PDB file of N, CA and C in Angstrom:
ATOM      1  N   MET A   1      68.819-103.700-147.183  1.00  0.00           N
ATOM      2  CA  MET A   1      67.494-103.321-146.751  1.00  0.00           C
ATOM      3  C   MET A   1      67.446-103.423-145.228  1.00  0.00           C
ATOM      4  N   GLN A   2      66.980-102.377-144.591  1.00  0.00           N
ATOM      5  CA  GLN A   2      66.864-102.363-143.140  1.00  0.00           C
ATOM      6  C   GLN A   2      65.546-102.980-142.705  1.00  0.00           C
ATOM      7  N   THR A   3      65.521-103.512-141.491  1.00  0.00           N
ATOM      8  CA  THR A   3      64.311-104.077-140.918  1.00  0.00           C
ATOM      9  C   THR A   3      64.029-103.363-139.607  1.00  0.00           C
ATOM     10  N   ILE A   4      62.752-103.044-139.372  1.00  0.00           N
ATOM     11  CA  ILE A   4      62.370-102.329-138.158  1.00  0.00           C
ATOM     12  C   ILE A   4      61.025-102.872-137.684  1.00  0.00           C
ATOM     13  N   GLY A   5      60.822-102.868-136.382  1.00  0.00           N
ATOM     14  CA  GLY A   5      59.564-103.326-135.813  1.00  0.00           C
ATOM     15  C   GLY A   5      58.527-102.215-135.812  1.00  0.00           C
ATOM     16  N   ILE A   6      57.280-102.599-135.716  1.00  0.00           N
ATOM     17  CA  ILE A   6      56.189-101.619-135.704  1.00  0.00           C
ATOM     18  C   ILE A   6      56.319-100.686-134.502  1.00  0.00           C
ATOM     19  N   GLY A   7      56.654-101.230-133.353  1.00  0.00           N
ATOM     20  CA  GLY A   7      56.793-100.423-132.138  1.00  0.00           C
ATOM     21  C   GLY A   7      57.877 -99.374-132.272  1.00  0.00           C
ATOM     22  N   GLU A   8      59.009 -99.751-132.858  1.00  0.00           N
ATOM     23  CA  GLU A   8      60.100 -98.793-133.066  1.00  0.00           C
ATOM     24  C   GLU A   8      59.657 -97.658-133.980  1.00  0.00           C
ATOM     25  N   LEU A   9      58.911 -97.998-135.011  1.00  0.00           N
ATOM     26  CA  LEU A   9      58.435 -96.990-135.949  1.00  0.00           C
ATOM     27  C   LEU A   9      57.437 -96.052-135.271  1.00  0.00           C
ATOM     28  N   GLN A  10      56.575 -96.600-134.428  1.00  0.00           N
ATOM     29  CA  GLN A  10      55.608 -95.757-133.724  1.00  0.00           C
ATOM     30  C   GLN A  10      56.293 -94.801-132.770  1.00  0.00           C
ATOM     31  N   LYS A  11      57.376 -95.233-132.152  1.00  0.00           N
ATOM     32  CA  LYS A  11      58.112 -94.378-131.222  1.00  0.00           C
ATOM     33  C   LYS A  11      58.877 -93.280-131.946  1.00  0.00           C
ATOM     34  N   ASN A  12      59.335 -93.564-133.159  1.00  0.00           N
ATOM     35  CA  ASN A  12      60.184 -92.619-133.867  1.00  0.00           C
ATOM     36  C   ASN A  12      59.784 -92.536-135.334  1.00  0.00           C
ATOM     37  N   MET A  13      58.780 -91.714-135.651  1.00  0.00           N
ATOM     38  CA  MET A  13      58.329 -91.550-137.038  1.00  0.00           C
ATOM     39  C   MET A  13      59.343 -90.790-137.886  1.00  0.00           C
ATOM     40  N   GLY A  14      60.308 -90.156-137.237  1.00  0.00           N
ATOM     41  CA  GLY A  14      61.356 -89.442-137.964  1.00  0.00           C
ATOM     42  C   GLY A  14      62.190 -90.360-138.827  1.00  0.00           C
ATOM     43  N   ILE A  15      62.145 -91.640-138.540  1.00  0.00           N
ATOM     44  CA  ILE A  15      62.872 -92.623-139.347  1.00  0.00           C
ATOM     45  C   ILE A  15      62.441 -92.519-140.802  1.00  0.00           C
ATOM     46  N   LEU A  16      61.157 -92.303-141.026  1.00  0.00           N
ATOM     47  CA  LEU A  16      60.640 -92.242-142.399  1.00  0.00           C
ATOM     48  C   LEU A  16      61.073 -90.967-143.127  1.00  0.00           C
ATOM     49  N   THR A  17      61.262 -89.877-142.398  1.00  0.00           N
ATOM     50  CA  THR A  17      61.635 -88.627-143.070  1.00  0.00           C
ATOM     51  C   THR A  17      63.085 -88.634-143.517  1.00  0.00           C
ATOM     52  N   HIS A  18      63.920 -89.445-142.880  1.00  0.00           N
ATOM     53  CA  HIS A  18      65.338 -89.493-143.232  1.00  0.00           C
ATOM     54  C   HIS A  18      65.714 -90.814-143.887  1.00  0.00           C
ATOM     55  N   LEU A  19      64.777 -91.396-144.585  1.00  0.00           N
ATOM     56  CA  LEU A  19      64.968 -92.704-145.203  1.00  0.00           C
ATOM     57  C   LEU A  19      65.868 -92.596-146.429  1.00  0.00           C
ATOM     58  N   THR A  20      66.908 -93.432-146.479  1.00  0.00           N
ATOM     59  CA  THR A  20      67.824 -93.417-147.622  1.00  0.00           C
ATOM     60  C   THR A  20      67.816 -94.732-148.393  1.00  0.00           C
ATOM     61  N   GLU A  21      67.331 -95.800-147.759  1.00  0.00           N
ATOM     62  CA  GLU A  21      67.244 -97.089-148.433  1.00  0.00           C
ATOM     63  C   GLU A  21      65.930 -97.755-148.055  1.00  0.00           C
ATOM     64  N   ALA A  22      65.609 -98.838-148.745  1.00  0.00           N
ATOM     65  CA  ALA A  22      64.352 -99.541-148.485  1.00  0.00           C
ATOM     66  C   ALA A  22      64.295-100.025-147.044  1.00  0.00           C
ATOM     67  N   LEU A  23      63.094-100.005-146.483  1.00  0.00           N
ATOM     68  CA  LEU A  23      62.887-100.364-145.088  1.00  0.00           C
ATOM     69  C   LEU A  23      61.760-101.384-145.004  1.00  0.00           C
ATOM     70  N   THR A  24      62.015-102.502-144.340  1.00  0.00           N
ATOM     71  CA  THR A  24      60.997-103.517-144.146  1.00  0.00           C
ATOM     72  C   THR A  24      60.427-103.352-142.740  1.00  0.00           C
ATOM     73  N   ILE A  25      59.102-103.255-142.636  1.00  0.00           N
ATOM     74  CA  ILE A  25      58.436-103.131-141.347  1.00  0.00           C
ATOM     75  C   ILE A  25      57.898-104.503-140.980  1.00  0.00           C
ATOM     76  N   VAL A  26      58.248-104.973-139.764  1.00  0.00           N
ATOM     77  CA  VAL A  26      57.941-106.326-139.339  1.00  0.00           C
ATOM     78  C   VAL A  26      57.115-106.290-138.059  1.00  0.00           C
ATOM     79  N   ASP A  27      56.113-107.162-137.982  1.00  0.00           N
ATOM     80  CA  ASP A  27      55.366-107.387-136.745  1.00  0.00           C
ATOM     81  C   ASP A  27      56.134-108.473-135.998  1.00  0.00           C
ATOM     82  N   LYS A  28      56.820-108.077-134.941  1.00  0.00           N
ATOM     83  CA  LYS A  28      57.720-109.018-134.256  1.00  0.00           C
ATOM     84  C   LYS A  28      56.963-110.081-133.470  1.00  0.00           C
ATOM     85  N   ARG A  29      55.742-109.785-133.020  1.00  0.00           N
ATOM     86  CA  ARG A  29      54.977-110.790-132.280  1.00  0.00           C
ATOM     87  C   ARG A  29      54.564-111.950-133.181  1.00  0.00           C
ATOM     88  N   LYS A  30      54.120-111.613-134.400  1.00  0.00           N
ATOM     89  CA  LYS A  30      53.687-112.644-135.341  1.00  0.00           C
ATOM     90  C   LYS A  30      54.822-113.096-136.254  1.00  0.00           C
ATOM     91  N   ASN A  31      55.959-112.390-136.159  1.00  0.00           N
ATOM     92  CA  ASN A  31      57.117-112.673-137.001  1.00  0.00           C
ATOM     93  C   ASN A  31      56.729-112.651-138.481  1.00  0.00           C
ATOM     94  N   LYS A  32      56.097-111.565-138.870  1.00  0.00           N
ATOM     95  CA  LYS A  32      55.558-111.455-140.221  1.00  0.00           C
ATOM     96  C   LYS A  32      55.850-110.062-140.789  1.00  0.00           C
ATOM     97  N   GLU A  33      56.225-110.002-142.084  1.00  0.00           N
ATOM     98  CA  GLU A  33      56.431-108.709-142.740  1.00  0.00           C
ATOM     99  C   GLU A  33      55.098-108.006-142.923  1.00  0.00           C
ATOM    100  N   VAL A  34      55.083-106.715-142.625  1.00  0.00           N
ATOM    101  CA  VAL A  34      53.861-105.931-142.745  1.00  0.00           C
ATOM    102  C   VAL A  34      53.922-105.040-143.986  1.00  0.00           C
ATOM    103  N   ALA A  35      55.080-104.405-144.208  1.00  0.00           N
ATOM    104  CA  ALA A  35      55.201-103.486-145.335  1.00  0.00           C
ATOM    105  C   ALA A  35      56.665-103.303-145.709  1.00  0.00           C
ATOM    106  N   VAL A  36      56.860-102.836-146.930  1.00  0.00           N
ATOM    107  CA  VAL A  36      58.175-102.416-147.397  1.00  0.00           C
ATOM    108  C   VAL A  36      58.028-100.969-147.842  1.00  0.00           C
ATOM    109  N   VAL A  37      58.875-100.100-147.312  1.00  0.00           N
ATOM    110  CA  VAL A  37      58.797 -98.669-147.606  1.00  0.00           C
ATOM    111  C   VAL A  37      60.043 -98.276-148.384  1.00  0.00           C
ATOM    112  N   TYR A  38      59.834 -97.577-149.497  1.00  0.00           N
ATOM    113  CA  TYR A  38      60.940 -97.115-150.324  1.00  0.00           C
ATOM    114  C   TYR A  38      61.043 -95.600-150.247  1.00  0.00           C
ATOM    115  N   PRO A  39      62.257 -95.055-150.244  1.00  0.00           N
ATOM    116  CA  PRO A  39      62.406 -93.590-150.188  1.00  0.00           C
ATOM    117  C   PRO A  39      62.092 -92.956-151.534  1.00  0.00           C
ATOM    118  N   ILE A  40      61.674 -91.715-151.496  1.00  0.00           N
ATOM    119  CA  ILE A  40      61.480 -90.933-152.727  1.00  0.00           C
ATOM    120  C   ILE A  40      62.789 -90.207-152.980  1.00  0.00           C
ATOM    121  N   HIS A  41      63.393 -90.469-154.107  1.00  0.00           N
ATOM    122  CA  HIS A  41      64.712 -89.898-154.376  1.00  0.00           C
ATOM    123  C   HIS A  41      64.656 -88.447-154.816  1.00  0.00           C
ATOM    124  N   ASN A  42      63.596 -88.037-155.482  1.00  0.00           N
ATOM    125  CA  ASN A  42      63.520 -86.682-156.026  1.00  0.00           C
ATOM    126  C   ASN A  42      62.658 -85.804-155.108  1.00  0.00           C
ATOM    127  N   ARG A  43      63.154 -85.488-153.936  1.00  0.00           N
ATOM    128  CA  ARG A  43      62.404 -84.691-152.962  1.00  0.00           C
ATOM    129  C   ARG A  43      62.214 -83.245-153.424  1.00  0.00           C
ATOM    130  N   ASP A  44      63.073 -82.740-154.300  1.00  0.00           N
ATOM    131  CA  ASP A  44      62.983 -81.354-154.743  1.00  0.00           C
ATOM    132  C   ASP A  44      61.899 -81.141-155.795  1.00  0.00           C
ATOM    133  N   ASP A  45      61.467 -82.215-156.443  1.00  0.00           N
ATOM    134  CA  ASP A  45      60.439 -82.095-157.473  1.00  0.00           C
ATOM    135  C   ASP A  45      59.074 -81.848-156.840  1.00  0.00           C
ATOM    136  N   ASP A  46      58.080 -81.694-157.703  1.00  0.00           N
ATOM    137  CA  ASP A  46      56.715 -81.498-157.231  1.00  0.00           C
ATOM    138  C   ASP A  46      56.250 -82.701-156.434  1.00  0.00           C
ATOM    139  N   ASN A  47      55.160 -82.537-155.775  1.00  0.00           N
ATOM    140  CA  ASN A  47      54.570 -83.599-154.975  1.00  0.00           C
ATOM    141  C   ASN A  47      54.225 -84.791-155.867  1.00  0.00           C
ATOM    142  N   ILE A  48      54.574 -85.988-155.445  1.00  0.00           N
ATOM    143  CA  ILE A  48      54.340 -87.187-156.255  1.00  0.00           C
ATOM    144  C   ILE A  48      52.854 -87.445-156.448  1.00  0.00           C
ATOM    145  N   VAL A  49      52.041 -87.061-155.474  1.00  0.00           N
ATOM    146  CA  VAL A  49      50.595 -87.237-155.593  1.00  0.00           C
ATOM    147  C   VAL A  49      50.052 -86.359-156.717  1.00  0.00           C
ATOM    148  N   GLU A  50      50.542 -85.133-156.808  1.00  0.00           N
ATOM    149  CA  GLU A  50      50.115 -84.234-157.884  1.00  0.00           C
ATOM    150  C   GLU A  50      50.529 -84.772-159.254  1.00  0.00           C
ATOM    151  N   LYS A  51      51.719 -85.340-159.340  1.00  0.00           N
ATOM    152  CA  LYS A  51      52.174 -85.918-160.610  1.00  0.00           C
ATOM    153  C   LYS A  51      51.262 -87.063-161.035  1.00  0.00           C
ATOM    154  N   LEU A  52      50.919 -87.924-160.089  1.00  0.00           N
ATOM    155  CA  LEU A  52      50.040 -89.049-160.390  1.00  0.00           C
ATOM    156  C   LEU A  52      48.660 -88.552-160.793  1.00  0.00           C
ATOM    157  N   ALA A  53      48.148 -87.557-160.094  1.00  0.00           N
ATOM    158  CA  ALA A  53      46.832 -87.008-160.421  1.00  0.00           C
ATOM    159  C   ALA A  53      46.837 -86.408-161.826  1.00  0.00           C
ATOM    160  N   ASP A  54      47.903 -85.698-162.177  1.00  0.00           N
ATOM    161  CA  ASP A  54      47.992 -85.113-163.519  1.00  0.00           C
ATOM    162  C   ASP A  54      48.016 -86.188-164.601  1.00  0.00           C
ATOM    163  N   SER A  55      48.755 -87.272-164.353  1.00  0.00           N
ATOM    164  CA  SER A  55      48.819 -88.318-165.374  1.00  0.00           C
ATOM    165  C   SER A  55      47.464 -89.013-165.516  1.00  0.00           C
ATOM    166  N   LEU A  56      46.777 -89.253-164.404  1.00  0.00           N
ATOM    167  CA  LEU A  56      45.464 -89.881-164.482  1.00  0.00           C
ATOM    168  C   LEU A  56      44.434 -88.940-165.108  1.00  0.00           C
ATOM    169  N   ARG A  57      44.546 -87.654-164.835  1.00  0.00           N
ATOM    170  CA  ARG A  57      43.649 -86.663-165.438  1.00  0.00           C
ATOM    171  C   ARG A  57      43.833 -86.648-166.957  1.00  0.00           C
ATOM    172  N   ALA A  58      45.088 -86.745-167.407  1.00  0.00           N
ATOM    173  CA  ALA A  58      45.371 -86.758-168.848  1.00  0.00           C
ATOM    174  C   ALA A  58      44.784 -88.016-169.501  1.00  0.00           C
ATOM    175  N   LYS A  59      44.906 -89.170-168.835  1.00  0.00           N
ATOM    176  CA  LYS A  59      44.338 -90.407-169.371  1.00  0.00           C
ATOM    177  C   LYS A  59      42.821 -90.317-169.457  1.00  0.00           C
ATOM    178  N   ALA A  60      42.197 -89.701-168.464  1.00  0.00           N
ATOM    179  CA  ALA A  60      40.738 -89.559-168.466  1.00  0.00           C
ATOM    180  C   ALA A  60      40.289 -88.660-169.606  1.00  0.00           C
ATOM    181  N   LYS A  61      41.045 -87.592-169.870  1.00  0.00           N
ATOM    182  CA  LYS A  61      40.681 -86.693-170.976  1.00  0.00           C
ATOM    183  C   LYS A  61      40.789 -87.408-172.317  1.00  0.00           C
ATOM    184  N   LYS A  62      41.788 -88.278-172.477  1.00  0.00           N
ATOM    185  CA  LYS A  62      41.934 -89.038-173.710  1.00  0.00           C
ATOM    186  C   LYS A  62      40.733 -89.944-173.932  1.00  0.00           C
ATOM    187  N   ARG A  63      40.189 -90.487-172.840  1.00  0.00           N
ATOM    188  CA  ARG A  63      39.040 -91.381-172.929  1.00  0.00           C
ATOM    189  C   ARG A  63      37.726 -90.615-173.028  1.00  0.00           C
ATOM    190  N   GLY A  64      37.778 -89.297-172.910  1.00  0.00           N
ATOM    191  CA  GLY A  64      36.570 -88.492-173.026  1.00  0.00           C
ATOM    192  C   GLY A  64      35.845 -88.285-171.709  1.00  0.00           C
ATOM    193  N   ILE A  65      36.509 -88.563-170.604  1.00  0.00           N
ATOM    194  CA  ILE A  65      35.908 -88.365-169.286  1.00  0.00           C
ATOM    195  C   ILE A  65      36.454 -87.062-168.726  1.00  0.00           C
ATOM    196  N   VAL A  66      35.644 -86.009-168.804  1.00  0.00           N
ATOM    197  CA  VAL A  66      36.082 -84.709-168.319  1.00  0.00           C
ATOM    198  C   VAL A  66      34.995 -84.134-167.420  1.00  0.00           C
ATOM    199  N   ILE A  67      35.343 -83.853-166.189  1.00  0.00           N
ATOM    200  CA  ILE A  67      34.408 -83.234-165.251  1.00  0.00           C
ATOM    201  C   ILE A  67      35.070 -81.963-164.740  1.00  0.00           C
ATOM    202  N   GLU A  68      34.574 -80.830-165.202  1.00  0.00           N
ATOM    203  CA  GLU A  68      35.144 -79.553-164.782  1.00  0.00           C
ATOM    204  C   GLU A  68      34.564 -79.103-163.451  1.00  0.00           C
ATOM    205  N   ASP A  69      33.249 -79.256-163.271  1.00  0.00           N
ATOM    206  CA  ASP A  69      32.587 -78.809-162.054  1.00  0.00           C
ATOM    207  C   ASP A  69      31.966 -80.028-161.378  1.00  0.00           C
ATOM    208  N   LEU A  70      32.572 -80.484-160.300  1.00  0.00           N
ATOM    209  CA  LEU A  70      32.145 -81.712-159.645  1.00  0.00           C
ATOM    210  C   LEU A  70      30.741 -81.582-159.061  1.00  0.00           C
ATOM    211  N   ASP A  71      30.434 -80.443-158.457  1.00  0.00           N
ATOM    212  CA  ASP A  71      29.104 -80.256-157.876  1.00  0.00           C
ATOM    213  C   ASP A  71      28.011 -80.317-158.939  1.00  0.00           C
ATOM    214  N   LYS A  72      28.277 -79.707-160.084  1.00  0.00           N
ATOM    215  CA  LYS A  72      27.302 -79.732-161.180  1.00  0.00           C
ATOM    216  C   LYS A  72      27.126 -81.167-161.704  1.00  0.00           C
ATOM    217  N   ALA A  73      28.224 -81.906-161.799  1.00  0.00           N
ATOM    218  CA  ALA A  73      28.160 -83.293-162.275  1.00  0.00           C
ATOM    219  C   ALA A  73      27.359 -84.159-161.299  1.00  0.00           C
ATOM    220  N   LYS A  74      27.537 -83.934-159.991  1.00  0.00           N
ATOM    221  CA  LYS A  74      26.775 -84.688-158.990  1.00  0.00           C
ATOM    222  C   LYS A  74      25.290 -84.387-159.110  1.00  0.00           C
ATOM    223  N   GLU A  75      24.967 -83.113-159.297  1.00  0.00           N
ATOM    224  CA  GLU A  75      23.566 -82.714-159.419  1.00  0.00           C
ATOM    225  C   GLU A  75      22.924 -83.331-160.656  1.00  0.00           C
ATOM    226  N   GLU A  76      23.641 -83.311-161.769  1.00  0.00           N
ATOM    227  CA  GLU A  76      23.116 -83.897-163.006  1.00  0.00           C
ATOM    228  C   GLU A  76      22.916 -85.411-162.851  1.00  0.00           C
ATOM    229  N   ALA A  77      23.840 -86.075-162.181  1.00  0.00           N
ATOM    230  CA  ALA A  77      23.710 -87.516-161.970  1.00  0.00           C
ATOM    231  C   ALA A  77      22.516 -87.817-161.076  1.00  0.00           C
ATOM    232  N   MET A  78      22.298 -86.996-160.063  1.00  0.00           N
ATOM    233  CA  MET A  78      21.157 -87.191-159.167  1.00  0.00           C
ATOM    234  C   MET A  78      19.843 -86.975-159.915  1.00  0.00           C
ATOM    235  N   MET A  79      19.785 -85.963-160.755  1.00  0.00           N
ATOM    236  CA  MET A  79      18.575 -85.696-161.539  1.00  0.00           C
ATOM    237  C   MET A  79      18.296 -86.849-162.507  1.00  0.00           C
ATOM    238  N   GLU A  80      19.343 -87.383-163.116  1.00  0.00           N
ATOM    239  CA  GLU A  80      19.188 -88.504-164.042  1.00  0.00           C
ATOM    240  C   GLU A  80      18.659 -89.734-163.300  1.00  0.00           C
ATOM    241  N   ALA A  81      19.196 -89.988-162.106  1.00  0.00           N
ATOM    242  CA  ALA A  81      18.727 -91.120-161.307  1.00  0.00           C
ATOM    243  C   ALA A  81      17.266 -90.935-160.896  1.00  0.00           C
ATOM    244  N   MET A  82      16.887 -89.709-160.549  1.00  0.00           N
ATOM    245  CA  MET A  82      15.503 -89.426-160.158  1.00  0.00           C
ATOM    246  C   MET A  82      14.562 -89.645-161.344  1.00  0.00           C
ATOM    247  N   LYS A  83      15.006 -89.216-162.542  1.00  0.00           N
ATOM    248  CA  LYS A  83      14.198 -89.398-163.735  1.00  0.00           C
ATOM    249  C   LYS A  83      13.959 -90.889-164.013  1.00  0.00           C
ATOM    250  N   GLU A  84      15.032 -91.693-163.886  1.00  0.00           N
ATOM    251  CA  GLU A  84      14.904 -93.133-164.118  1.00  0.00           C
ATOM    252  C   GLU A  84      13.997 -93.794-163.071  1.00  0.00           C
ATOM    253  N   LYS A  85      14.154 -93.390-161.831  1.00  0.00           N
ATOM    254  CA  LYS A  85      13.421 -94.032-160.753  1.00  0.00           C
ATOM    255  C   LYS A  85      11.945 -93.656-160.743  1.00  0.00           C
ATOM    256  N   TYR A  86      11.659 -92.357-160.954  1.00  0.00           N
ATOM    257  CA  TYR A  86      10.289 -91.876-160.813  1.00  0.00           C
ATOM    258  C   TYR A  86       9.597 -91.560-162.139  1.00  0.00           C
ATOM    259  N   GLY A  87      10.319 -91.670-163.246  1.00  0.00           N
ATOM    260  CA  GLY A  87       9.730 -91.457-164.559  1.00  0.00           C
ATOM    261  C   GLY A  87       9.490 -90.004-164.894  1.00  0.00           C
ATOM    262  N   PHE A  88      10.244 -89.088-164.286  1.00  0.00           N
ATOM    263  CA  PHE A  88      10.093 -87.663-164.616  1.00  0.00           C
ATOM    264  C   PHE A  88      10.690 -87.385-165.974  1.00  0.00           C
ATOM    265  N   SER A  89      10.220 -86.316-166.602  1.00  0.00           N
ATOM    266  CA  SER A  89      10.809 -85.871-167.866  1.00  0.00           C
ATOM    267  C   SER A  89      11.075 -84.384-167.778  1.00  0.00           C
ATOM    268  N   ASP A  90      11.925 -83.868-168.662  1.00  0.00           N
ATOM    269  CA  ASP A  90      12.270 -82.443-168.650  1.00  0.00           C
ATOM    270  C   ASP A  90      11.159 -81.557-169.038  1.00  0.00           C
TER     271      ASP A  90
END
């Protein structure tokens, strides 16, 4: 595992793009570990964020939480809150 200071990383962010092994980022003034960065081995695959979003979306659908139109869901939630607060009815 390689160790690098925060200042070195700020000067050369390219270090992260060519990462082949785990990297420990250290604050040299406080002599304290700040982070550990691991490389993504499957760079040719889809974006890891999209994979995570898809898996969480699938879990939400299993639980019955499905929001197709976010703007419509926000509007409905606001109307429901207004009804509770002010006693309006449909």
